[in-house]
Amino acid sequence: MVKIDKKQVLTALETITVAGEGKNMVESGAVQNVVCFGDEVIVDLLLHTPALHIKKRAEVDVLKVIHEKVYEKAKVKVNIKVEATEKPTIKGKAIPGIQNIVAVASGKGGVGKSTVTANLAVTLAKMGFKVGVLDADIYGPSMPIMFDVEHEKPISIEVDGKSKMKPIESYEVKILSIGFFTKPDQAVVWRGPMAAKALNQMIFDAHWGELDFMLIDLPPGTGDIHLSIMQSLPITGAVVVSTPQAVALADAKKGVAMFQSEAIQVPVLGIIENMAYFTPAELPENKYYIFGKEGAKNLAEDLGVPVLGEIPLVQSIREAGDYGRPAALQTATPVEEAFEAVTRNVVQEVVNRNENLPPTEAIKITTMAGCSAVRKK
């Protein structure tokens, strides 16, 4: 009869980590106990994240590593206990009346982040939610064009004795963008502090009213604007948009890492794969994976975050954005179905996040000896 040694099991468990913790299972204290009876192994795990996909991944990793490194026919049972950390008090500024703030980001430009943001917004509105979009892409604002309001100007209204900007409304979505305050051919040549000041005005000097969701369309990359937003607001969660292309996925990985870093700790709701495949109108059953297949899915599995869905590469999506009528408004189309599926997943992940995780804190940025430091408020 095979007798499995406890030390072998612990050594094997040292080769895997719990998503988001950084250390191996044994070193982090996730492995509470290991009991071996002949060819049977019982592993007790203590996790600090109650998210279902994290628990499932931990269980699968334990089973896999014991079968591969200890004994392939071992009978393994994994017991998982969740001990969530105490919810902290949010010390950052919040906007009264706004329930959820979701940042939409991309590591690389040109992957369709703004297009996805616009279509998420109108789909949420179609579902009956009250929605606002803050166009935080200061140097390349596109929301005014995508919502066909590029010639509109926000007006000033008085709210509780204070002068506030009234967001522009289109397709039942409230919108503010630096594009409303500049000419179409005018380049925004601002340093970081000026951009941050403009963002703060659009956030706190505006009358957003009651919103179920505020979507923040972030610029590409991981830079000063991102820190300014997360310094100003406690973000509910972040969505990362990528194409399946390896070069885009490499940058998307950095975007996820930014949100998950110890100093920022904004929950990543998941990854959306844009331009996932192309289906010609004359061959509706065919799928051509022009930029690669399931790249975002594989990345999400590696990082331990959900895949929120796939958006196909369709000409009408681009045309709709150019004409200022987001494609998800088209009824009874594959595009509408794709965006509805993704939006439902985003809503579900927000619900899961709010039920299982503590509120996100805004971060505080300080300067020490000429170097920027980021820490939680």
Protein backbone atom coordinates (compact mmCIF):
# COMPACT_ATOMS: atom_id res chain seq x y z
CA MET A 1 0.00 0.00 0.00
CA VAL A 2 1.29 3.46 -0.92
CA LYS A 3 2.05 5.70 2.03
CA ILE A 4 2.23 9.41 1.23
CA ASP A 5 4.64 11.49 3.29
CA LYS A 6 3.41 14.80 4.72
CA LYS A 7 6.74 16.51 4.00
CA GLN A 8 6.42 15.61 0.31
CA VAL A 9 2.97 17.21 0.21
CA LEU A 10 4.17 20.40 1.91
CA THR A 11 7.13 20.64 -0.46
CA ALA A 12 4.75 20.31 -3.41
CA LEU A 13 2.39 22.95 -1.99
CA GLU A 14 5.33 25.38 -1.73
CA THR A 15 5.35 25.54 -5.54
CA ILE A 16 1.91 27.17 -5.83
CA THR A 17 0.42 30.45 -4.64
CA VAL A 18 -3.03 31.77 -3.83
CA ALA A 19 -4.01 34.41 -6.39
CA GLY A 20 -3.40 37.90 -5.06
CA GLU A 21 -1.25 36.89 -2.08
CA GLY A 22 2.19 36.74 -3.69
CA LYS A 23 3.72 34.08 -1.39
CA ASN A 24 3.46 30.32 -1.75
CA MET A 25 0.64 28.52 0.07
CA VAL A 26 2.79 27.28 2.91
CA GLU A 27 4.71 30.53 3.47
CA SER A 28 1.54 32.67 3.37
CA GLY A 29 -0.14 30.51 6.00
CA ALA A 30 -2.90 29.43 3.62
CA VAL A 31 -2.07 25.78 4.36
CA GLN A 32 -3.42 25.25 7.86
CA ASN A 33 -3.00 21.50 8.10
CA VAL A 34 -2.06 18.43 6.06
CA VAL A 35 -3.11 14.93 7.09
CA CYS A 36 -1.99 11.78 5.28
CA PHE A 37 -3.54 8.29 5.59
CA GLY A 38 -1.84 5.90 3.18
CA ASP A 39 -2.79 7.18 -0.27
CA GLU A 40 -5.30 9.70 1.12
CA VAL A 41 -4.43 13.37 1.68
CA ILE A 42 -6.54 16.01 3.42
CA VAL A 43 -5.45 19.64 2.98
CA ASP A 44 -7.03 22.40 5.07
CA LEU A 45 -6.73 25.87 3.48
CA LEU A 46 -7.47 29.28 4.98
CA LEU A 47 -8.15 31.98 2.38
CA HIS A 48 -8.72 35.69 2.88
CA THR A 49 -10.59 36.19 -0.39
CA PRO A 50 -14.09 34.69 -0.62
CA ALA A 51 -14.36 35.08 -4.40
CA LEU A 52 -15.57 31.79 -5.89
CA HIS A 53 -13.02 31.69 -8.72
CA ILE A 54 -10.13 32.15 -6.25
CA LYS A 55 -11.38 29.28 -4.07
CA LYS A 56 -11.89 27.02 -7.08
CA ARG A 57 -8.46 27.78 -8.48
CA ALA A 58 -6.81 27.06 -5.12
CA GLU A 59 -8.56 23.69 -4.93
CA VAL A 60 -7.62 22.75 -8.50
CA ASP A 61 -3.99 23.80 -7.97
CA VAL A 62 -3.69 21.65 -4.83
CA LEU A 63 -5.15 18.59 -6.55
CA LYS A 64 -2.95 19.07 -9.60
CA VAL A 65 0.34 19.58 -7.76
CA ILE A 66 -0.16 16.59 -5.44
CA HIS A 67 -1.03 14.32 -8.35
CA GLU A 68 1.93 15.57 -10.39
CA LYS A 69 4.63 15.83 -7.72
CA VAL A 70 3.61 13.35 -5.00
CA TYR A 71 1.44 10.50 -6.24
CA GLU A 72 -0.72 10.51 -9.37
CA LYS A 73 -3.40 8.26 -7.84
CA ALA A 74 -3.61 10.05 -4.50
CA LYS A 75 -7.10 10.57 -3.07
CA VAL A 76 -7.08 14.26 -2.23
CA LYS A 77 -9.66 16.25 -0.30
CA VAL A 78 -9.34 20.02 0.03
CA ASN A 79 -11.21 21.83 2.81
CA ILE A 80 -11.39 25.61 2.33
CA LYS A 81 -12.24 28.07 5.07
CA VAL A 82 -12.60 31.79 4.31
CA GLU A 83 -11.62 34.41 6.83
CA ALA A 84 -12.25 37.77 5.17
CA THR A 85 -10.37 40.78 6.46
CA GLU A 86 -12.31 43.37 8.44
CA LYS A 87 -13.93 46.03 6.31
CA PRO A 88 -12.11 49.36 6.63
CA THR A 89 -13.81 52.74 6.66
CA ILE A 90 -13.53 54.54 3.33
CA LYS A 91 -11.49 57.66 3.91
CA GLY A 92 -11.38 58.88 0.35
CA LYS A 93 -13.90 61.27 -1.13
CA ALA A 94 -17.05 59.64 -2.45
CA ILE A 95 -19.67 61.25 -4.65
CA PRO A 96 -23.06 61.30 -2.90
CA GLY A 97 -25.67 59.32 -4.78
CA ILE A 98 -23.26 57.19 -6.82
CA GLN A 99 -23.43 53.52 -5.85
CA ASN A 100 -20.68 51.91 -7.95
CA ILE A 101 -17.64 53.39 -9.70
CA VAL A 102 -16.12 51.12 -12.33
CA ALA A 103 -12.85 52.02 -14.05
CA VAL A 104 -12.44 50.74 -17.62
CA ALA A 105 -8.77 50.43 -18.49
CA SER A 106 -6.40 48.99 -21.06
CA GLY A 107 -2.68 48.53 -20.99
CA LYS A 108 -2.39 49.39 -24.68
CA GLY A 109 -4.07 51.98 -26.88
CA GLY A 110 -6.20 50.98 -29.84
CA VAL A 111 -7.83 47.92 -28.27
CA GLY A 112 -11.31 49.49 -28.20
CA LYS A 113 -11.50 50.50 -24.55
CA SER A 114 -13.60 53.62 -25.17
CA THR A 115 -15.89 51.75 -27.56
CA VAL A 116 -16.44 49.08 -24.91
CA THR A 117 -17.08 51.75 -22.27
CA ALA A 118 -19.71 53.49 -24.40
CA ASN A 119 -21.50 50.24 -25.20
CA LEU A 120 -21.39 49.05 -21.59
CA ALA A 121 -22.97 52.36 -20.58
CA VAL A 122 -25.88 52.21 -23.02
CA THR A 123 -26.48 48.53 -22.26
CA LEU A 124 -26.64 49.26 -18.53
CA ALA A 125 -29.10 52.06 -19.28
CA LYS A 126 -31.23 49.69 -21.39
CA MET A 127 -31.29 47.32 -18.43
CA GLY A 128 -32.83 50.07 -16.32
CA PHE A 129 -29.78 51.30 -14.42
CA LYS A 130 -28.93 54.98 -13.95
CA VAL A 131 -25.56 55.46 -15.62
CA GLY A 132 -22.87 58.12 -15.97
CA VAL A 133 -19.61 58.14 -17.93
CA LEU A 134 -16.58 60.19 -16.94
CA ASP A 135 -14.21 60.50 -19.90
CA ALA A 136 -10.86 60.56 -18.08
CA ASP A 137 -8.84 60.18 -21.28
CA ILE A 138 -7.73 63.81 -21.04
CA TYR A 139 -5.39 63.77 -24.05
CA GLY A 140 -7.69 61.77 -26.34
CA PRO A 141 -11.33 62.24 -25.31
CA SER A 142 -13.73 60.31 -27.51
CA MET A 143 -17.02 60.06 -25.61
CA PRO A 144 -18.50 63.26 -27.13
CA ILE A 145 -18.14 61.74 -30.62
CA MET A 146 -19.33 58.26 -29.61
CA PHE A 147 -22.50 59.71 -28.07
CA ASP A 148 -23.05 62.28 -30.86
CA VAL A 149 -22.75 65.25 -28.51
CA GLU A 150 -19.41 66.75 -29.58
CA HIS A 151 -20.97 70.17 -30.08
CA GLU A 152 -22.72 70.27 -26.70
CA LYS A 153 -21.52 72.36 -23.76
CA PRO A 154 -22.35 71.60 -20.11
CA ILE A 155 -24.32 74.36 -18.43
CA SER A 156 -24.02 75.63 -14.90
CA ILE A 157 -26.86 74.96 -12.46
CA GLU A 158 -27.34 75.82 -8.81
CA VAL A 159 -27.55 72.90 -6.40
CA ASP A 160 -27.94 73.55 -2.66
CA GLY A 161 -26.62 77.07 -3.13
CA LYS A 162 -23.55 75.96 -5.09
CA SER A 163 -22.81 76.27 -8.78
CA LYS A 164 -22.42 72.85 -10.43
CA MET A 165 -21.83 71.57 -13.95
CA LYS A 166 -24.73 69.65 -15.44
CA PRO A 167 -23.49 66.58 -17.37
CA ILE A 168 -24.57 66.19 -20.97
CA GLU A 169 -27.14 63.42 -21.41
CA SER A 170 -27.38 61.13 -24.43
CA TYR A 171 -29.17 57.77 -24.77
CA GLU A 172 -30.07 58.06 -21.06
CA VAL A 173 -26.39 58.24 -20.08
CA LYS A 174 -24.88 61.26 -18.30
CA ILE A 175 -21.49 62.25 -19.72
CA LEU A 176 -18.66 64.63 -18.85
CA SER A 177 -15.49 64.93 -20.92
CA ILE A 178 -12.69 67.41 -21.42
CA GLY A 179 -13.79 67.21 -25.07
CA PHE A 180 -16.76 69.44 -24.21
CA PHE A 181 -14.40 72.26 -23.23
CA THR A 182 -11.93 72.16 -26.14
CA LYS A 183 -12.19 72.70 -29.88
CA PRO A 184 -12.16 69.57 -32.10
CA ASP A 185 -8.74 70.44 -33.53
CA GLN A 186 -7.28 71.65 -30.22
CA ALA A 187 -4.59 69.51 -28.60
CA VAL A 188 -4.63 69.27 -24.80
CA VAL A 189 -1.02 70.02 -23.83
CA TRP A 190 -1.12 69.82 -20.05
CA ARG A 191 1.20 68.58 -17.37
CA GLY A 192 -0.07 66.09 -14.80
CA PRO A 193 -1.25 68.60 -12.15
CA MET A 194 -3.37 70.51 -14.69
CA ALA A 195 -4.97 67.29 -15.95
CA ALA A 196 -5.65 66.18 -12.37
CA LYS A 197 -7.30 69.52 -11.57
CA ALA A 198 -9.57 69.25 -14.61
CA LEU A 199 -10.56 65.71 -13.61
CA ASN A 200 -11.36 66.79 -10.06
CA GLN A 201 -13.61 69.55 -11.40
CA MET A 202 -15.53 67.08 -13.57
CA ILE A 203 -15.84 64.69 -10.62
CA PHE A 204 -16.67 66.96 -7.69
CA ASP A 205 -17.93 70.17 -9.32
CA ALA A 206 -20.60 68.35 -11.32
CA HIS A 207 -24.15 67.42 -10.37
CA TRP A 208 -24.22 63.72 -11.28
CA GLY A 209 -27.38 63.04 -9.29
CA GLU A 210 -28.34 59.48 -8.43
CA LEU A 211 -26.34 56.86 -10.36
CA ASP A 212 -26.20 53.09 -10.07
CA PHE A 213 -22.98 53.03 -12.09
CA MET A 214 -20.34 55.57 -13.00
CA LEU A 215 -18.00 54.24 -15.69
CA ILE A 216 -14.60 55.92 -15.90
CA ASP A 217 -12.95 55.68 -19.30
CA LEU A 218 -9.25 55.76 -18.38
CA PRO A 219 -6.45 56.56 -20.83
CA PRO A 220 -4.26 53.68 -22.05
CA GLY A 221 -1.31 52.58 -19.94
CA THR A 222 -0.57 52.97 -16.25
CA GLY A 223 0.27 56.55 -15.44
CA ASP A 224 -0.45 59.81 -13.69
CA ILE A 225 -4.13 60.05 -14.67
CA HIS A 226 -4.80 56.61 -13.23
CA LEU A 227 -3.22 57.57 -9.92
CA SER A 228 -5.12 60.87 -9.86
CA ILE A 229 -8.45 59.08 -10.33
CA MET A 230 -7.70 56.50 -7.65
CA GLN A 231 -6.47 59.26 -5.35
CA SER A 232 -9.76 61.13 -5.80
CA LEU A 233 -12.25 58.27 -5.65
CA PRO A 234 -12.73 54.88 -4.01
CA ILE A 235 -13.10 52.71 -7.12
CA THR A 236 -15.52 49.80 -6.77
CA GLY A 237 -13.64 47.72 -9.33
CA ALA A 238 -11.76 47.78 -12.60
CA VAL A 239 -12.41 46.18 -15.98
CA VAL A 240 -9.43 45.63 -18.31
CA VAL A 241 -10.01 45.54 -22.08
CA SER A 242 -7.61 43.75 -24.41
CA THR A 243 -7.46 42.13 -27.82
CA PRO A 244 -6.19 38.53 -28.05
CA GLN A 245 -2.91 39.76 -29.56
CA ALA A 246 0.19 38.91 -27.53
CA VAL A 247 1.48 42.48 -27.56
CA ALA A 248 -1.83 43.79 -26.17
CA LEU A 249 -2.04 41.03 -23.59
CA ALA A 250 1.43 41.89 -22.28
CA ASP A 251 0.25 45.44 -21.59
CA ALA A 252 -3.09 44.25 -20.21
CA LYS A 253 -1.15 42.15 -17.70
CA LYS A 254 0.58 45.31 -16.50
CA GLY A 255 -2.80 47.03 -16.17
CA VAL A 256 -4.11 44.21 -13.96
CA ALA A 257 -0.89 44.30 -11.93
CA MET A 258 -1.33 48.03 -11.32
CA PHE A 259 -4.80 47.59 -9.82
CA GLN A 260 -3.73 44.55 -7.79
CA SER A 261 -0.55 46.15 -6.43
CA GLU A 262 -0.24 46.39 -2.66
CA ALA A 263 -0.42 50.18 -2.68
CA ILE A 264 -3.58 50.40 -4.82
CA GLN A 265 -5.66 47.25 -4.24
CA VAL A 266 -8.58 47.94 -6.55
CA PRO A 267 -10.49 44.71 -7.26
CA VAL A 268 -10.22 43.60 -10.89
CA LEU A 269 -13.72 42.58 -11.97
CA GLY A 270 -12.38 40.82 -15.05
CA ILE A 271 -11.01 41.04 -18.57
CA ILE A 272 -13.02 41.77 -21.71
CA GLU A 273 -11.62 40.39 -24.96
CA ASN A 274 -12.39 42.85 -27.76
CA MET A 275 -11.99 42.02 -31.47
CA ALA A 276 -12.04 38.38 -30.38
CA TYR A 277 -12.94 37.00 -33.81
CA PHE A 278 -14.29 38.00 -37.21
CA THR A 279 -17.42 36.49 -38.78
CA PRO A 280 -18.18 37.51 -42.40
CA ALA A 281 -21.81 38.29 -43.14
CA GLU A 282 -21.79 35.75 -45.99
CA LEU A 283 -20.40 33.02 -43.70
CA PRO A 284 -22.27 33.55 -40.42
CA GLU A 285 -21.18 30.19 -38.98
CA ASN A 286 -17.46 30.87 -39.45
CA LYS A 287 -15.11 32.51 -36.96
CA TYR A 288 -11.70 33.85 -37.98
CA TYR A 289 -9.33 34.62 -35.10
CA ILE A 290 -7.39 37.44 -36.73
CA PHE A 291 -5.56 38.61 -33.59
CA GLY A 292 -5.21 35.17 -31.97
CA LYS A 293 -7.54 32.84 -30.14
CA GLU A 294 -8.56 32.97 -26.45
CA GLY A 295 -5.58 35.12 -25.48
CA ALA A 296 -7.54 37.10 -22.89
CA LYS A 297 -9.07 33.89 -21.53
CA ASN A 298 -5.65 32.37 -21.00
CA LEU A 299 -4.33 35.57 -19.40
CA ALA A 300 -7.33 35.76 -17.07
CA GLU A 301 -6.77 32.17 -15.95
CA ASP A 302 -3.09 32.90 -15.29
CA LEU A 303 -3.93 35.97 -13.23
CA GLY A 304 -6.89 34.44 -11.40
CA VAL A 305 -9.45 36.97 -12.64
CA PRO A 306 -12.74 36.31 -14.49
CA VAL A 307 -13.27 36.55 -18.24
CA LEU A 308 -16.22 38.88 -18.72
CA GLY A 309 -16.83 37.94 -22.34
CA GLU A 310 -15.85 38.35 -25.96
CA ILE A 311 -16.76 41.13 -28.37
CA PRO A 312 -16.44 40.21 -32.06
CA LEU A 313 -14.65 42.28 -34.67
CA VAL A 314 -17.62 43.75 -36.53
CA GLN A 315 -17.64 46.70 -38.92
CA SER A 316 -20.92 48.03 -37.54
CA ILE A 317 -19.36 48.56 -34.09
CA ARG A 318 -16.79 50.92 -35.58
CA GLU A 319 -19.34 52.66 -37.79
CA ALA A 320 -21.77 53.11 -34.91
CA GLY A 321 -19.09 54.72 -32.77
CA ASP A 322 -18.11 57.08 -35.58
CA TYR A 323 -21.74 58.10 -36.12
CA GLY A 324 -22.35 58.65 -32.42
CA ARG A 325 -24.81 55.84 -31.80
CA PRO A 326 -23.21 52.94 -29.86
CA ALA A 327 -23.72 49.59 -31.58
CA ALA A 328 -25.35 47.99 -28.54
CA LEU A 329 -28.42 50.18 -29.22
CA GLN A 330 -29.12 48.11 -32.34
CA THR A 331 -31.78 45.58 -31.40
CA ALA A 332 -31.85 41.86 -32.21
CA THR A 333 -28.26 41.73 -33.47
CA PRO A 334 -25.28 39.54 -32.50
CA VAL A 335 -23.49 42.72 -31.38
CA GLU A 336 -26.30 43.61 -28.98
CA GLU A 337 -26.25 40.05 -27.62
CA ALA A 338 -22.47 40.15 -27.12
CA PHE A 339 -22.57 43.43 -25.20
CA GLU A 340 -25.55 42.31 -23.13
CA ALA A 341 -23.70 39.13 -22.13
CA VAL A 342 -20.59 41.10 -21.15
CA THR A 343 -22.63 43.71 -19.26
CA ARG A 344 -24.53 41.05 -17.30
CA ASN A 345 -21.19 39.56 -16.27
CA VAL A 346 -19.88 42.97 -15.19
CA VAL A 347 -22.99 43.56 -13.07
CA GLN A 348 -22.69 40.10 -11.51
CA GLU A 349 -19.03 40.66 -10.66
CA VAL A 350 -19.88 44.02 -9.05
CA VAL A 351 -22.55 42.28 -6.96
CA ASN A 352 -20.07 39.54 -5.97
CA ARG A 353 -17.43 42.13 -5.14
CA ASN A 354 -19.77 44.18 -2.96
CA GLU A 355 -21.00 41.11 -1.10
CA ASN A 356 -17.61 39.52 -0.50
CA LEU A 357 -14.96 42.23 -0.34
CA PRO A 358 -14.43 45.31 1.84
CA PRO A 359 -14.95 48.77 0.30
CA THR A 360 -12.03 50.09 -1.73
CA GLU A 361 -10.10 52.97 -0.21
CA ALA A 362 -8.84 55.93 -2.18
CA ILE A 363 -5.06 56.12 -2.26
CA LYS A 364 -2.90 58.98 -1.11
CA ILE A 365 0.07 60.18 -3.14
CA THR A 366 2.96 61.80 -1.34
CA THR A 367 6.37 63.00 -2.44
CA MET A 368 9.48 62.01 -0.52
CA ALA A 369 13.00 63.05 -1.45
CA GLY A 370 11.96 63.79 -5.01
CA CYS A 371 10.29 60.39 -5.49
CA SER A 372 6.59 59.66 -5.71
CA ALA A 373 5.20 57.28 -3.14
CA VAL A 374 1.77 55.74 -3.18
CA ARG A 375 0.02 54.54 -0.05
CA LYS A 376 -3.48 53.96 1.21
CA LYS A 377 -5.28 56.76 2.98
